[in-house]
């Protein structure tokens, strides 16, 4: 199925939750925020939120520095 991640169309397997989506793309789960279809998804809900065809997902990485 196809989803839009950070403005790019990506092909992913069906039935992934948000936590599995991060692992699918080898993304760390630390310092990450996820917005799905214009709503921020709390980290504690990542395992319960299933990604559907045509979902629009923004994955934001927080970077420390000084």
C-alpha atoms as a PDB file:
ATOM      1  CA  UNK A   1       0.000   0.000   0.000  1.00  0.00           C
ATOM      2  CA  UNK A   2       1.107   3.588  -0.498  1.00  0.00           C
ATOM      3  CA  UNK A   3       1.392   6.319   2.121  1.00  0.00           C
ATOM      4  CA  UNK A   4       2.796   9.824   2.067  1.00  0.00           C
ATOM      5  CA  UNK A   5       5.710  10.190   4.487  1.00  0.00           C
ATOM      6  CA  UNK A   6       7.313  13.608   4.844  1.00  0.00           C
ATOM      7  CA  UNK A   7       5.940  14.578   1.448  1.00  0.00           C
ATOM      8  CA  UNK A   8       7.153  11.471  -0.424  1.00  0.00           C
ATOM      9  CA  UNK A   9       5.061   8.503  -1.557  1.00  0.00           C
ATOM     10  CA  UNK A  10       6.341   5.293   0.063  1.00  0.00           C
ATOM     11  CA  UNK A  11       5.275   1.689  -0.473  1.00  0.00           C
ATOM     12  CA  UNK A  12       4.820  -0.229   2.799  1.00  0.00           C
ATOM     13  CA  UNK A  13       3.365  -3.590   3.841  1.00  0.00           C
ATOM     14  CA  UNK A  14      -0.233  -3.619   5.052  1.00  0.00           C
ATOM     15  CA  UNK A  15      -1.091  -3.810   8.739  1.00  0.00           C
ATOM     16  CA  UNK A  16       1.864  -1.892  10.179  1.00  0.00           C
ATOM     17  CA  UNK A  17       1.382   0.201  13.285  1.00  0.00           C
ATOM     18  CA  UNK A  18       3.414   3.398  13.746  1.00  0.00           C
ATOM     19  CA  UNK A  19       6.064   1.676  15.872  1.00  0.00           C
ATOM     20  CA  UNK A  20       6.546  -0.984  13.173  1.00  0.00           C
ATOM     21  CA  UNK A  21       6.635   1.725  10.503  1.00  0.00           C
ATOM     22  CA  UNK A  22       9.651   3.316  12.196  1.00  0.00           C
ATOM     23  CA  UNK A  23      11.403  -0.058  12.353  1.00  0.00           C
ATOM     24  CA  UNK A  24      10.511  -0.764   8.698  1.00  0.00           C
ATOM     25  CA  UNK A  25      12.465   2.343   7.672  1.00  0.00           C
ATOM     26  CA  UNK A  26      15.197   1.769  10.328  1.00  0.00           C
ATOM     27  CA  UNK A  27      14.336   4.994  12.120  1.00  0.00           C
ATOM     28  CA  UNK A  28      15.138   5.409  15.816  1.00  0.00           C
ATOM     29  CA  UNK A  29      12.140   5.946  18.084  1.00  0.00           C
ATOM     30  CA  UNK A  30      14.037   8.337  20.374  1.00  0.00           C
ATOM     31  CA  UNK A  31      13.543  12.064  19.823  1.00  0.00           C
ATOM     32  CA  UNK A  32      10.806  11.512  17.235  1.00  0.00           C
ATOM     33  CA  UNK A  33       7.336  12.985  16.923  1.00  0.00           C
ATOM     34  CA  UNK A  34       4.737  11.608  14.528  1.00  0.00           C
ATOM     35  CA  UNK A  35       1.854  13.474  12.951  1.00  0.00           C
ATOM     36  CA  UNK A  36      -0.692  11.388  11.084  1.00  0.00           C
ATOM     37  CA  UNK A  37      -3.383  13.001   8.947  1.00  0.00           C
ATOM     38  CA  UNK A  38      -2.779  16.399  10.643  1.00  0.00           C
ATOM     39  CA  UNK A  39      -3.005  15.049  14.224  1.00  0.00           C
ATOM     40  CA  UNK A  40      -0.047  14.435  16.520  1.00  0.00           C
ATOM     41  CA  UNK A  41       0.019  10.841  17.761  1.00  0.00           C
ATOM     42  CA  UNK A  42       1.258  10.319  21.316  1.00  0.00           C
ATOM     43  CA  UNK A  43       4.178   7.911  21.683  1.00  0.00           C
ATOM     44  CA  UNK A  44       2.162   5.653  23.990  1.00  0.00           C
ATOM     45  CA  UNK A  45      -0.374   5.164  21.157  1.00  0.00           C
ATOM     46  CA  UNK A  46       2.116   4.215  18.411  1.00  0.00           C
ATOM     47  CA  UNK A  47       1.536   0.470  18.873  1.00  0.00           C
ATOM     48  CA  UNK A  48      -2.249   0.914  18.644  1.00  0.00           C
ATOM     49  CA  UNK A  49      -2.400   3.163  15.554  1.00  0.00           C
ATOM     50  CA  UNK A  50      -2.495   1.184  12.306  1.00  0.00           C
ATOM     51  CA  UNK A  51      -1.276   2.851   9.122  1.00  0.00           C
ATOM     52  CA  UNK A  52      -3.821   2.787   6.286  1.00  0.00           C
ATOM     53  CA  UNK A  53      -3.504   3.287   2.545  1.00  0.00           C
ATOM     54  CA  UNK A  54      -3.134   6.977   1.578  1.00  0.00           C
ATOM     55  CA  UNK A  55      -2.363   8.156   5.130  1.00  0.00           C
ATOM     56  CA  UNK A  56      -0.266  11.322   5.355  1.00  0.00           C
ATOM     57  CA  UNK A  57       2.482  10.975   7.937  1.00  0.00           C
ATOM     58  CA  UNK A  58       5.091  13.461   9.088  1.00  0.00           C
ATOM     59  CA  UNK A  59       8.016  12.095  11.092  1.00  0.00           C
ATOM     60  CA  UNK A  60       9.930  14.819  12.888  1.00  0.00           C
ATOM     61  CA  UNK A  61      13.394  14.258  14.335  1.00  0.00           C
ATOM     62  CA  UNK A  62      14.462  16.462  17.223  1.00  0.00           C
ATOM     63  CA  UNK A  63      18.132  17.357  17.210  1.00  0.00           C
ATOM     64  CA  UNK A  64      20.030  18.676  20.211  1.00  0.00           C
ATOM     65  CA  UNK A  65      22.804  21.143  19.947  1.00  0.00           C
ATOM     66  CA  UNK A  66      24.186  24.318  21.221  1.00  0.00           C
END
